[in-house]
Amino acid sequence: MIRPVGARPVRNVAGPVIRSLRNELGWSQEQATARCNVVGFDISRASYAQIESQIRSVTDHELALLAKAFRVGPERLLPEILPPWTGKGKKDTWKSRKRD
């Protein structure tokens, strides 16, 4: 789900794709978190939920570990079309866009 314009800043673009993939696999957030921990990504369920909700940023290293946990290539965790980027120093964020 992409947030409507004016909502809180979007901190990553992978969250909705990760949520969708998790749901396709039939995993709960707890199961996804457990898989992450197995591959070396020490993350709590709450932090994982923040990634899916686009509240928390994701580093490239974390994205690679998420891909490993889900057994997909890192490119699979990114949307096909990237939203515009708004760079404002400490307030860098992805622009929200309305869902079609």
PDB file of N, CA and C in Angstrom:
ATOM      1  N   MET A   1       0.837  -1.177   0.000  1.00  0.00           N
ATOM      2  CA  MET A   1       0.000   0.000   0.000  1.00  0.00           C
ATOM      3  C   MET A   1       0.878   1.234   0.000  1.00  0.00           C
ATOM      4  N   ILE A   2       0.629   2.120  -0.915  1.00  0.00           N
ATOM      5  CA  ILE A   2       1.374   3.367  -0.971  1.00  0.00           C
ATOM      6  C   ILE A   2       0.514   4.448  -0.336  1.00  0.00           C
ATOM      7  N   ARG A   3       1.116   5.223   0.535  1.00  0.00           N
ATOM      8  CA  ARG A   3       0.376   6.234   1.281  1.00  0.00           C
ATOM      9  C   ARG A   3      -0.043   7.404   0.403  1.00  0.00           C
ATOM     10  N   PRO A   4      -1.189   7.991   0.695  1.00  0.00           N
ATOM     11  CA  PRO A   4      -1.629   9.157  -0.070  1.00  0.00           C
ATOM     12  C   PRO A   4      -0.758  10.370   0.219  1.00  0.00           C
ATOM     13  N   VAL A   5      -0.759  11.301  -0.701  1.00  0.00           N
ATOM     14  CA  VAL A   5       0.014  12.522  -0.546  1.00  0.00           C
ATOM     15  C   VAL A   5      -0.407  13.202   0.747  1.00  0.00           C
ATOM     16  N   GLY A   6       0.570  13.709   1.498  1.00  0.00           N
ATOM     17  CA  GLY A   6       0.287  14.389   2.748  1.00  0.00           C
ATOM     18  C   GLY A   6       0.414  13.493   3.964  1.00  0.00           C
ATOM     19  N   ALA A   7       0.524  12.192   3.779  1.00  0.00           N
ATOM     20  CA  ALA A   7       0.701  11.273   4.902  1.00  0.00           C
ATOM     21  C   ALA A   7       2.145  11.340   5.368  1.00  0.00           C
ATOM     22  N   ARG A   8       2.471  10.574   6.399  1.00  0.00           N
ATOM     23  CA  ARG A   8       3.848  10.598   6.917  1.00  0.00           C
ATOM     24  C   ARG A   8       4.826  10.172   5.824  1.00  0.00           C
ATOM     25  N   PRO A   9       6.082  10.570   5.957  1.00  0.00           N
ATOM     26  CA  PRO A   9       7.073  10.264   4.918  1.00  0.00           C
ATOM     27  C   PRO A   9       7.230   8.762   4.684  1.00  0.00           C
ATOM     28  N   VAL A  10       7.445   8.402   3.457  1.00  0.00           N
ATOM     29  CA  VAL A  10       7.686   7.015   3.069  1.00  0.00           C
ATOM     30  C   VAL A  10       9.193   6.788   3.164  1.00  0.00           C
ATOM     31  N   ARG A  11       9.624   5.882   4.023  1.00  0.00           N
ATOM     32  CA  ARG A  11      11.049   5.667   4.278  1.00  0.00           C
ATOM     33  C   ARG A  11      11.679   4.571   3.430  1.00  0.00           C
ATOM     34  N   ASN A  12      10.871   3.776   2.741  1.00  0.00           N
ATOM     35  CA  ASN A  12      11.417   2.773   1.825  1.00  0.00           C
ATOM     36  C   ASN A  12      10.370   2.466   0.773  1.00  0.00           C
ATOM     37  N   VAL A  13      10.783   1.903  -0.331  1.00  0.00           N
ATOM     38  CA  VAL A  13       9.847   1.533  -1.393  1.00  0.00           C
ATOM     39  C   VAL A  13       9.615   0.023  -1.439  1.00  0.00           C
ATOM     40  N   ALA A  14      10.378  -0.716  -0.658  1.00  0.00           N
ATOM     41  CA  ALA A  14      10.294  -2.172  -0.688  1.00  0.00           C
ATOM     42  C   ALA A  14       9.206  -2.738   0.217  1.00  0.00           C
ATOM     43  N   GLY A  15       8.766  -1.978   1.202  1.00  0.00           N
ATOM     44  CA  GLY A  15       7.829  -2.484   2.203  1.00  0.00           C
ATOM     45  C   GLY A  15       6.596  -3.165   1.641  1.00  0.00           C
ATOM     46  N   PRO A  16       5.848  -2.518   0.738  1.00  0.00           N
ATOM     47  CA  PRO A  16       4.655  -3.172   0.198  1.00  0.00           C
ATOM     48  C   PRO A  16       4.969  -4.444  -0.596  1.00  0.00           C
ATOM     49  N   VAL A  17       6.098  -4.457  -1.276  1.00  0.00           N
ATOM     50  CA  VAL A  17       6.497  -5.649  -2.039  1.00  0.00           C
ATOM     51  C   VAL A  17       6.844  -6.783  -1.071  1.00  0.00           C
ATOM     52  N   ILE A  18       7.548  -6.443   0.004  1.00  0.00           N
ATOM     53  CA  ILE A  18       7.914  -7.445   1.011  1.00  0.00           C
ATOM     54  C   ILE A  18       6.659  -8.017   1.663  1.00  0.00           C
ATOM     55  N   ARG A  19       5.704  -7.151   2.001  1.00  0.00           N
ATOM     56  CA  ARG A  19       4.450  -7.617   2.598  1.00  0.00           C
ATOM     57  C   ARG A  19       3.712  -8.550   1.642  1.00  0.00           C
ATOM     58  N   SER A  20       3.646  -8.166   0.385  1.00  0.00           N
ATOM     59  CA  SER A  20       2.959  -8.978  -0.611  1.00  0.00           C
ATOM     60  C   SER A  20       3.622 -10.352  -0.762  1.00  0.00           C
ATOM     61  N   LEU A  21       4.939 -10.364  -0.830  1.00  0.00           N
ATOM     62  CA  LEU A  21       5.670 -11.628  -0.953  1.00  0.00           C
ATOM     63  C   LEU A  21       5.453 -12.504   0.283  1.00  0.00           C
ATOM     64  N   ARG A  22       5.500 -11.894   1.455  1.00  0.00           N
ATOM     65  CA  ARG A  22       5.258 -12.648   2.694  1.00  0.00           C
ATOM     66  C   ARG A  22       3.873 -13.282   2.667  1.00  0.00           C
ATOM     67  N   ASN A  23       2.880 -12.506   2.234  1.00  0.00           N
ATOM     68  CA  ASN A  23       1.517 -13.038   2.154  1.00  0.00           C
ATOM     69  C   ASN A  23       1.406 -14.155   1.125  1.00  0.00           C
ATOM     70  N   GLU A  24       2.094 -14.009  -0.012  1.00  0.00           N
ATOM     71  CA  GLU A  24       2.108 -15.077  -1.035  1.00  0.00           C
ATOM     72  C   GLU A  24       2.654 -16.380  -0.464  1.00  0.00           C
ATOM     73  N   LEU A  25       3.665 -16.250   0.390  1.00  0.00           N
ATOM     74  CA  LEU A  25       4.289 -17.428   0.996  1.00  0.00           C
ATOM     75  C   LEU A  25       3.476 -17.980   2.159  1.00  0.00           C
ATOM     76  N   GLY A  26       2.468 -17.229   2.596  1.00  0.00           N
ATOM     77  CA  GLY A  26       1.639 -17.681   3.706  1.00  0.00           C
ATOM     78  C   GLY A  26       2.316 -17.549   5.057  1.00  0.00           C
ATOM     79  N   TRP A  27       3.302 -16.649   5.146  1.00  0.00           N
ATOM     80  CA  TRP A  27       4.033 -16.458   6.401  1.00  0.00           C
ATOM     81  C   TRP A  27       3.394 -15.357   7.227  1.00  0.00           C
ATOM     82  N   SER A  28       3.466 -15.509   8.544  1.00  0.00           N
ATOM     83  CA  SER A  28       3.115 -14.420   9.451  1.00  0.00           C
ATOM     84  C   SER A  28       4.338 -13.509   9.570  1.00  0.00           C
ATOM     85  N   GLN A  29       4.164 -12.344  10.162  1.00  0.00           N
ATOM     86  CA  GLN A  29       5.325 -11.482  10.394  1.00  0.00           C
ATOM     87  C   GLN A  29       6.314 -12.166  11.327  1.00  0.00           C
ATOM     88  N   GLU A  30       5.816 -12.933  12.279  1.00  0.00           N
ATOM     89  CA  GLU A  30       6.709 -13.668  13.192  1.00  0.00           C
ATOM     90  C   GLU A  30       7.545 -14.691  12.428  1.00  0.00           C
ATOM     91  N   GLN A  31       6.932 -15.382  11.469  1.00  0.00           N
ATOM     92  CA  GLN A  31       7.675 -16.358  10.674  1.00  0.00           C
ATOM     93  C   GLN A  31       8.711 -15.670   9.790  1.00  0.00           C
ATOM     94  N   ALA A  32       8.352 -14.546   9.201  1.00  0.00           N
ATOM     95  CA  ALA A  32       9.298 -13.803   8.368  1.00  0.00           C
ATOM     96  C   ALA A  32      10.467 -13.307   9.216  1.00  0.00           C
ATOM     97  N   THR A  33      10.166 -12.820  10.415  1.00  0.00           N
ATOM     98  CA  THR A  33      11.213 -12.352  11.325  1.00  0.00           C
ATOM     99  C   THR A  33      12.141 -13.497  11.709  1.00  0.00           C
ATOM    100  N   ALA A  34      11.580 -14.662  11.970  1.00  0.00           N
ATOM    101  CA  ALA A  34      12.393 -15.834  12.308  1.00  0.00           C
ATOM    102  C   ALA A  34      13.325 -16.196  11.154  1.00  0.00           C
ATOM    103  N   ARG A  35      12.814 -16.150   9.904  1.00  0.00           N
ATOM    104  CA  ARG A  35      13.662 -16.439   8.739  1.00  0.00           C
ATOM    105  C   ARG A  35      14.786 -15.415   8.632  1.00  0.00           C
ATOM    106  N   CYS A  36      14.454 -14.138   8.898  1.00  0.00           N
ATOM    107  CA  CYS A  36      15.476 -13.086   8.864  1.00  0.00           C
ATOM    108  C   CYS A  36      16.573 -13.373   9.884  1.00  0.00           C
ATOM    109  N   ASN A  37      16.167 -13.754  11.081  1.00  0.00           N
ATOM    110  CA  ASN A  37      17.139 -14.041  12.130  1.00  0.00           C
ATOM    111  C   ASN A  37      18.035 -15.229  11.766  1.00  0.00           C
ATOM    112  N   VAL A  38      17.477 -16.220  11.079  1.00  0.00           N
ATOM    113  CA  VAL A  38      18.253 -17.396  10.668  1.00  0.00           C
ATOM    114  C   VAL A  38      19.366 -17.007   9.694  1.00  0.00           C
ATOM    115  N   VAL A  39      19.092 -16.030   8.801  1.00  0.00           N
ATOM    116  CA  VAL A  39      20.093 -15.642   7.803  1.00  0.00           C
ATOM    117  C   VAL A  39      21.024 -14.534   8.306  1.00  0.00           C
ATOM    118  N   GLY A  40      20.886 -14.153   9.582  1.00  0.00           N
ATOM    119  CA  GLY A  40      21.804 -13.172  10.153  1.00  0.00           C
ATOM    120  C   GLY A  40      21.282 -11.757  10.254  1.00  0.00           C
ATOM    121  N   PHE A  41      20.014 -11.551   9.948  1.00  0.00           N
ATOM    122  CA  PHE A  41      19.402 -10.227  10.073  1.00  0.00           C
ATOM    123  C   PHE A  41      18.649 -10.221  11.399  1.00  0.00           C
ATOM    124  N   ASP A  42      19.292  -9.714  12.442  1.00  0.00           N
ATOM    125  CA  ASP A  42      18.717  -9.691  13.783  1.00  0.00           C
ATOM    126  C   ASP A  42      17.719  -8.543  13.873  1.00  0.00           C
ATOM    127  N   ILE A  43      16.447  -8.864  13.735  1.00  0.00           N
ATOM    128  CA  ILE A  43      15.397  -7.850  13.708  1.00  0.00           C
ATOM    129  C   ILE A  43      14.200  -8.329  14.522  1.00  0.00           C
ATOM    130  N   SER A  44      13.560  -7.403  15.204  1.00  0.00           N
ATOM    131  CA  SER A  44      12.363  -7.741  15.969  1.00  0.00           C
ATOM    132  C   SER A  44      11.151  -7.720  15.054  1.00  0.00           C
ATOM    133  N   ARG A  45      10.056  -8.309  15.506  1.00  0.00           N
ATOM    134  CA  ARG A  45       8.836  -8.283  14.724  1.00  0.00           C
ATOM    135  C   ARG A  45       8.329  -6.856  14.558  1.00  0.00           C
ATOM    136  N   ALA A  46       8.481  -6.041  15.590  1.00  0.00           N
ATOM    137  CA  ALA A  46       8.026  -4.646  15.517  1.00  0.00           C
ATOM    138  C   ALA A  46       8.813  -3.867  14.462  1.00  0.00           C
ATOM    139  N   SER A  47      10.126  -4.049  14.422  1.00  0.00           N
ATOM    140  CA  SER A  47      10.944  -3.364  13.412  1.00  0.00           C
ATOM    141  C   SER A  47      10.627  -3.882  12.020  1.00  0.00           C
ATOM    142  N   TYR A  48      10.399  -5.187  11.916  1.00  0.00           N
ATOM    143  CA  TYR A  48      10.024  -5.764  10.630  1.00  0.00           C
ATOM    144  C   TYR A  48       8.706  -5.157  10.149  1.00  0.00           C
ATOM    145  N   ALA A  49       7.744  -5.021  11.049  1.00  0.00           N
ATOM    146  CA  ALA A  49       6.447  -4.428  10.700  1.00  0.00           C
ATOM    147  C   ALA A  49       6.621  -2.989  10.220  1.00  0.00           C
ATOM    148  N   GLN A  50       7.563  -2.263  10.808  1.00  0.00           N
ATOM    149  CA  GLN A  50       7.827  -0.886  10.378  1.00  0.00           C
ATOM    150  C   GLN A  50       8.392  -0.846   8.962  1.00  0.00           C
ATOM    151  N   ILE A  51       9.157  -1.854   8.580  1.00  0.00           N
ATOM    152  CA  ILE A  51       9.661  -1.926   7.201  1.00  0.00           C
ATOM    153  C   ILE A  51       8.487  -2.119   6.246  1.00  0.00           C
ATOM    154  N   GLU A  52       7.622  -3.091   6.552  1.00  0.00           N
ATOM    155  CA  GLU A  52       6.465  -3.340   5.693  1.00  0.00           C
ATOM    156  C   GLU A  52       5.564  -2.113   5.596  1.00  0.00           C
ATOM    157  N   SER A  53       5.464  -1.357   6.676  1.00  0.00           N
ATOM    158  CA  SER A  53       4.607  -0.168   6.712  1.00  0.00           C
ATOM    159  C   SER A  53       5.295   1.076   6.174  1.00  0.00           C
ATOM    160  N   GLN A  54       6.529   0.927   5.739  1.00  0.00           N
ATOM    161  CA  GLN A  54       7.336   2.016   5.167  1.00  0.00           C
ATOM    162  C   GLN A  54       7.654   3.116   6.186  1.00  0.00           C
ATOM    163  N   ILE A  55       7.638   2.783   7.454  1.00  0.00           N
ATOM    164  CA  ILE A  55       7.970   3.729   8.512  1.00  0.00           C
ATOM    165  C   ILE A  55       9.478   3.739   8.754  1.00  0.00           C
ATOM    166  N   ARG A  56      10.132   2.589   8.525  1.00  0.00           N
ATOM    167  CA  ARG A  56      11.565   2.422   8.781  1.00  0.00           C
ATOM    168  C   ARG A  56      12.316   2.308   7.468  1.00  0.00           C
ATOM    169  N   SER A  57      13.453   2.955   7.408  1.00  0.00           N
ATOM    170  CA  SER A  57      14.330   2.841   6.234  1.00  0.00           C
ATOM    171  C   SER A  57      14.967   1.458   6.207  1.00  0.00           C
ATOM    172  N   VAL A  58      15.405   1.053   5.031  1.00  0.00           N
ATOM    173  CA  VAL A  58      16.078  -0.233   4.851  1.00  0.00           C
ATOM    174  C   VAL A  58      17.404   0.022   4.159  1.00  0.00           C
ATOM    175  N   THR A  59      18.490  -0.447   4.742  1.00  0.00           N
ATOM    176  CA  THR A  59      19.799  -0.289   4.103  1.00  0.00           C
ATOM    177  C   THR A  59      19.953  -1.326   2.992  1.00  0.00           C
ATOM    178  N   ASP A  60      20.947  -1.129   2.163  1.00  0.00           N
ATOM    179  CA  ASP A  60      21.192  -2.098   1.095  1.00  0.00           C
ATOM    180  C   ASP A  60      21.563  -3.462   1.680  1.00  0.00           C
ATOM    181  N   HIS A  61      22.316  -3.460   2.763  1.00  0.00           N
ATOM    182  CA  HIS A  61      22.702  -4.712   3.419  1.00  0.00           C
ATOM    183  C   HIS A  61      21.462  -5.434   3.957  1.00  0.00           C
ATOM    184  N   GLU A  62      20.546  -4.686   4.572  1.00  0.00           N
ATOM    185  CA  GLU A  62      19.315  -5.280   5.090  1.00  0.00           C
ATOM    186  C   GLU A  62      18.445  -5.808   3.955  1.00  0.00           C
ATOM    187  N   LEU A  63      18.390  -5.078   2.855  1.00  0.00           N
ATOM    188  CA  LEU A  63      17.612  -5.536   1.707  1.00  0.00           C
ATOM    189  C   LEU A  63      18.168  -6.859   1.180  1.00  0.00           C
ATOM    190  N   ALA A  64      19.492  -6.973   1.141  1.00  0.00           N
ATOM    191  CA  ALA A  64      20.121  -8.227   0.698  1.00  0.00           C
ATOM    192  C   ALA A  64      19.783  -9.371   1.653  1.00  0.00           C
ATOM    193  N   LEU A  65      19.783  -9.100   2.958  1.00  0.00           N
ATOM    194  CA  LEU A  65      19.446 -10.141   3.932  1.00  0.00           C
ATOM    195  C   LEU A  65      17.962 -10.513   3.861  1.00  0.00           C
ATOM    196  N   LEU A  66      17.102  -9.529   3.628  1.00  0.00           N
ATOM    197  CA  LEU A  66      15.680  -9.828   3.444  1.00  0.00           C
ATOM    198  C   LEU A  66      15.482 -10.723   2.227  1.00  0.00           C
ATOM    199  N   ALA A  67      16.177 -10.411   1.147  1.00  0.00           N
ATOM    200  CA  ALA A  67      16.095 -11.234  -0.060  1.00  0.00           C
ATOM    201  C   ALA A  67      16.560 -12.660   0.228  1.00  0.00           C
ATOM    202  N   LYS A  68      17.631 -12.777   0.981  1.00  0.00           N
ATOM    203  CA  LYS A  68      18.136 -14.099   1.344  1.00  0.00           C
ATOM    204  C   LYS A  68      17.110 -14.855   2.190  1.00  0.00           C
ATOM    205  N   ALA A  69      16.479 -14.155   3.137  1.00  0.00           N
ATOM    206  CA  ALA A  69      15.472 -14.786   3.994  1.00  0.00           C
ATOM    207  C   ALA A  69      14.276 -15.272   3.175  1.00  0.00           C
ATOM    208  N   PHE A  70      13.902 -14.488   2.162  1.00  0.00           N
ATOM    209  CA  PHE A  70      12.755 -14.840   1.325  1.00  0.00           C
ATOM    210  C   PHE A  70      13.148 -15.721   0.133  1.00  0.00           C
ATOM    211  N   ARG A  71      14.449 -15.965  -0.007  1.00  0.00           N
ATOM    212  CA  ARG A  71      14.982 -16.812  -1.085  1.00  0.00           C
ATOM    213  C   ARG A  71      14.632 -16.273  -2.463  1.00  0.00           C
ATOM    214  N   VAL A  72      14.864 -14.962  -2.619  1.00  0.00           N
ATOM    215  CA  VAL A  72      14.662 -14.295  -3.911  1.00  0.00           C
ATOM    216  C   VAL A  72      15.847 -13.363  -4.147  1.00  0.00           C
ATOM    217  N   GLY A  73      15.978 -12.872  -5.353  1.00  0.00           N
ATOM    218  CA  GLY A  73      16.996 -11.869  -5.636  1.00  0.00           C
ATOM    219  C   GLY A  73      16.559 -10.528  -5.070  1.00  0.00           C
ATOM    220  N   PRO A  74      17.500  -9.664  -4.707  1.00  0.00           N
ATOM    221  CA  PRO A  74      17.146  -8.356  -4.127  1.00  0.00           C
ATOM    222  C   PRO A  74      16.245  -7.525  -5.033  1.00  0.00           C
ATOM    223  N   GLU A  75      16.399  -7.663  -6.349  1.00  0.00           N
ATOM    224  CA  GLU A  75      15.570  -6.887  -7.274  1.00  0.00           C
ATOM    225  C   GLU A  75      14.090  -7.251  -7.150  1.00  0.00           C
ATOM    226  N   ARG A  76      13.797  -8.459  -6.676  1.00  0.00           N
ATOM    227  CA  ARG A  76      12.401  -8.906  -6.487  1.00  0.00           C
ATOM    228  C   ARG A  76      11.709  -8.128  -5.373  1.00  0.00           C
ATOM    229  N   LEU A  77      12.480  -7.508  -4.476  1.00  0.00           N
ATOM    230  CA  LEU A  77      11.901  -6.778  -3.349  1.00  0.00           C
ATOM    231  C   LEU A  77      11.624  -5.314  -3.661  1.00  0.00           C
ATOM    232  N   LEU A  78      11.937  -4.899  -4.880  1.00  0.00           N
ATOM    233  CA  LEU A  78      11.696  -3.510  -5.271  1.00  0.00           C
ATOM    234  C   LEU A  78      10.508  -3.438  -6.222  1.00  0.00           C
ATOM    235  N   PRO A  79       9.749  -2.342  -6.163  1.00  0.00           N
ATOM    236  CA  PRO A  79       8.624  -2.206  -7.087  1.00  0.00           C
ATOM    237  C   PRO A  79       9.125  -2.043  -8.517  1.00  0.00           C
ATOM    238  N   GLU A  80       8.292  -2.406  -9.476  1.00  0.00           N
ATOM    239  CA  GLU A  80       8.680  -2.276 -10.881  1.00  0.00           C
ATOM    240  C   GLU A  80       8.876  -0.822 -11.274  1.00  0.00           C
ATOM    241  N   ILE A  81       8.048   0.064 -10.730  1.00  0.00           N
ATOM    242  CA  ILE A  81       8.159   1.489 -11.014  1.00  0.00           C
ATOM    243  C   ILE A  81       8.444   2.219  -9.707  1.00  0.00           C
ATOM    244  N   LEU A  82       9.556   2.933  -9.662  1.00  0.00           N
ATOM    245  CA  LEU A  82       9.917   3.669  -8.454  1.00  0.00           C
ATOM    246  C   LEU A  82       9.210   5.018  -8.418  1.00  0.00           C
ATOM    247  N   PRO A  83       8.703   5.412  -7.232  1.00  0.00           N
ATOM    248  CA  PRO A  83       8.115   6.742  -7.108  1.00  0.00           C
ATOM    249  C   PRO A  83       9.209   7.797  -7.139  1.00  0.00           C
ATOM    250  N   PRO A  84       8.865   9.050  -7.366  1.00  0.00           N
ATOM    251  CA  PRO A  84       9.878  10.116  -7.370  1.00  0.00           C
ATOM    252  C   PRO A  84      10.556  10.241  -6.006  1.00  0.00           C
ATOM    253  N   TRP A  85      11.791  10.682  -6.021  1.00  0.00           N
ATOM    254  CA  TRP A  85      12.586  10.879  -4.804  1.00  0.00           C
ATOM    255  C   TRP A  85      12.613  12.357  -4.467  1.00  0.00           C
ATOM    256  N   THR A  86      12.403  12.666  -3.200  1.00  0.00           N
ATOM    257  CA  THR A  86      12.490  14.043  -2.730  1.00  0.00           C
ATOM    258  C   THR A  86      13.674  14.127  -1.803  1.00  0.00           C
ATOM    259  N   GLY A  87      14.742  14.755  -2.222  1.00  0.00           N
ATOM    260  CA  GLY A  87      15.920  14.891  -1.380  1.00  0.00           C
ATOM    261  C   GLY A  87      15.933  16.244  -0.696  1.00  0.00           C
ATOM    262  N   LYS A  88      15.810  16.232   0.602  1.00  0.00           N
ATOM    263  CA  LYS A  88      15.807  17.469   1.376  1.00  0.00           C
ATOM    264  C   LYS A  88      16.719  17.317   2.586  1.00  0.00           C
ATOM    265  N   GLY A  89      17.928  16.862   2.371  1.00  0.00           N
ATOM    266  CA  GLY A  89      18.849  16.690   3.497  1.00  0.00           C
ATOM    267  C   GLY A  89      18.362  15.628   4.454  1.00  0.00           C
ATOM    268  N   LYS A  90      18.134  16.012   5.708  1.00  0.00           N
ATOM    269  CA  LYS A  90      17.711  15.045   6.716  1.00  0.00           C
ATOM    270  C   LYS A  90      16.286  14.544   6.486  1.00  0.00           C
ATOM    271  N   LYS A  91      15.563  15.196   5.615  1.00  0.00           N
ATOM    272  CA  LYS A  91      14.177  14.796   5.370  1.00  0.00           C
ATOM    273  C   LYS A  91      14.027  14.095   4.028  1.00  0.00           C
ATOM    274  N   ASP A  92      15.089  13.420   3.568  1.00  0.00           N
ATOM    275  CA  ASP A  92      15.002  12.668   2.324  1.00  0.00           C
ATOM    276  C   ASP A  92      13.884  11.634   2.438  1.00  0.00           C
ATOM    277  N   THR A  93      13.103  11.510   1.414  1.00  0.00           N
ATOM    278  CA  THR A  93      12.000  10.549   1.425  1.00  0.00           C
ATOM    279  C   THR A  93      11.541  10.265  -0.002  1.00  0.00           C
ATOM    280  N   TRP A  94      10.813   9.202  -0.153  1.00  0.00           N
ATOM    281  CA  TRP A  94      10.153   8.905  -1.419  1.00  0.00           C
ATOM    282  C   TRP A  94       8.839   9.645  -1.412  1.00  0.00           C
ATOM    283  N   LYS A  95       8.479  10.234  -2.539  1.00  0.00           N
ATOM    284  CA  LYS A  95       7.179  10.894  -2.630  1.00  0.00           C
ATOM    285  C   LYS A  95       6.093   9.819  -2.634  1.00  0.00           C
ATOM    286  N   SER A  96       5.043  10.092  -1.899  1.00  0.00           N
ATOM    287  CA  SER A  96       3.909   9.188  -1.907  1.00  0.00           C
ATOM    288  C   SER A  96       3.161   9.365  -3.221  1.00  0.00           C
ATOM    289  N   ARG A  97       2.460   8.358  -3.618  1.00  0.00           N
ATOM    290  CA  ARG A  97       1.628   8.493  -4.795  1.00  0.00           C
ATOM    291  C   ARG A  97       0.320   7.758  -4.532  1.00  0.00           C
ATOM    292  N   LYS A  98      -0.714   8.211  -5.152  1.00  0.00           N
ATOM    293  CA  LYS A  98      -2.008   7.584  -4.958  1.00  0.00           C
ATOM    294  C   LYS A  98      -2.053   6.280  -5.716  1.00  0.00           C
ATOM    295  N   ARG A  99      -2.759   5.345  -5.154  1.00  0.00           N
ATOM    296  CA  ARG A  99      -2.930   4.061  -5.815  1.00  0.00           C
ATOM    297  C   ARG A  99      -3.914   4.203  -6.958  1.00  0.00           C
ATOM    298  N   ASP A 100      -3.625   3.570  -8.076  1.00  0.00           N
ATOM    299  CA  ASP A 100      -4.547   3.638  -9.229  1.00  0.00           C
ATOM    300  C   ASP A 100      -5.713   2.713  -9.053  1.00  0.00           C
TER     301      ASP A 100
END
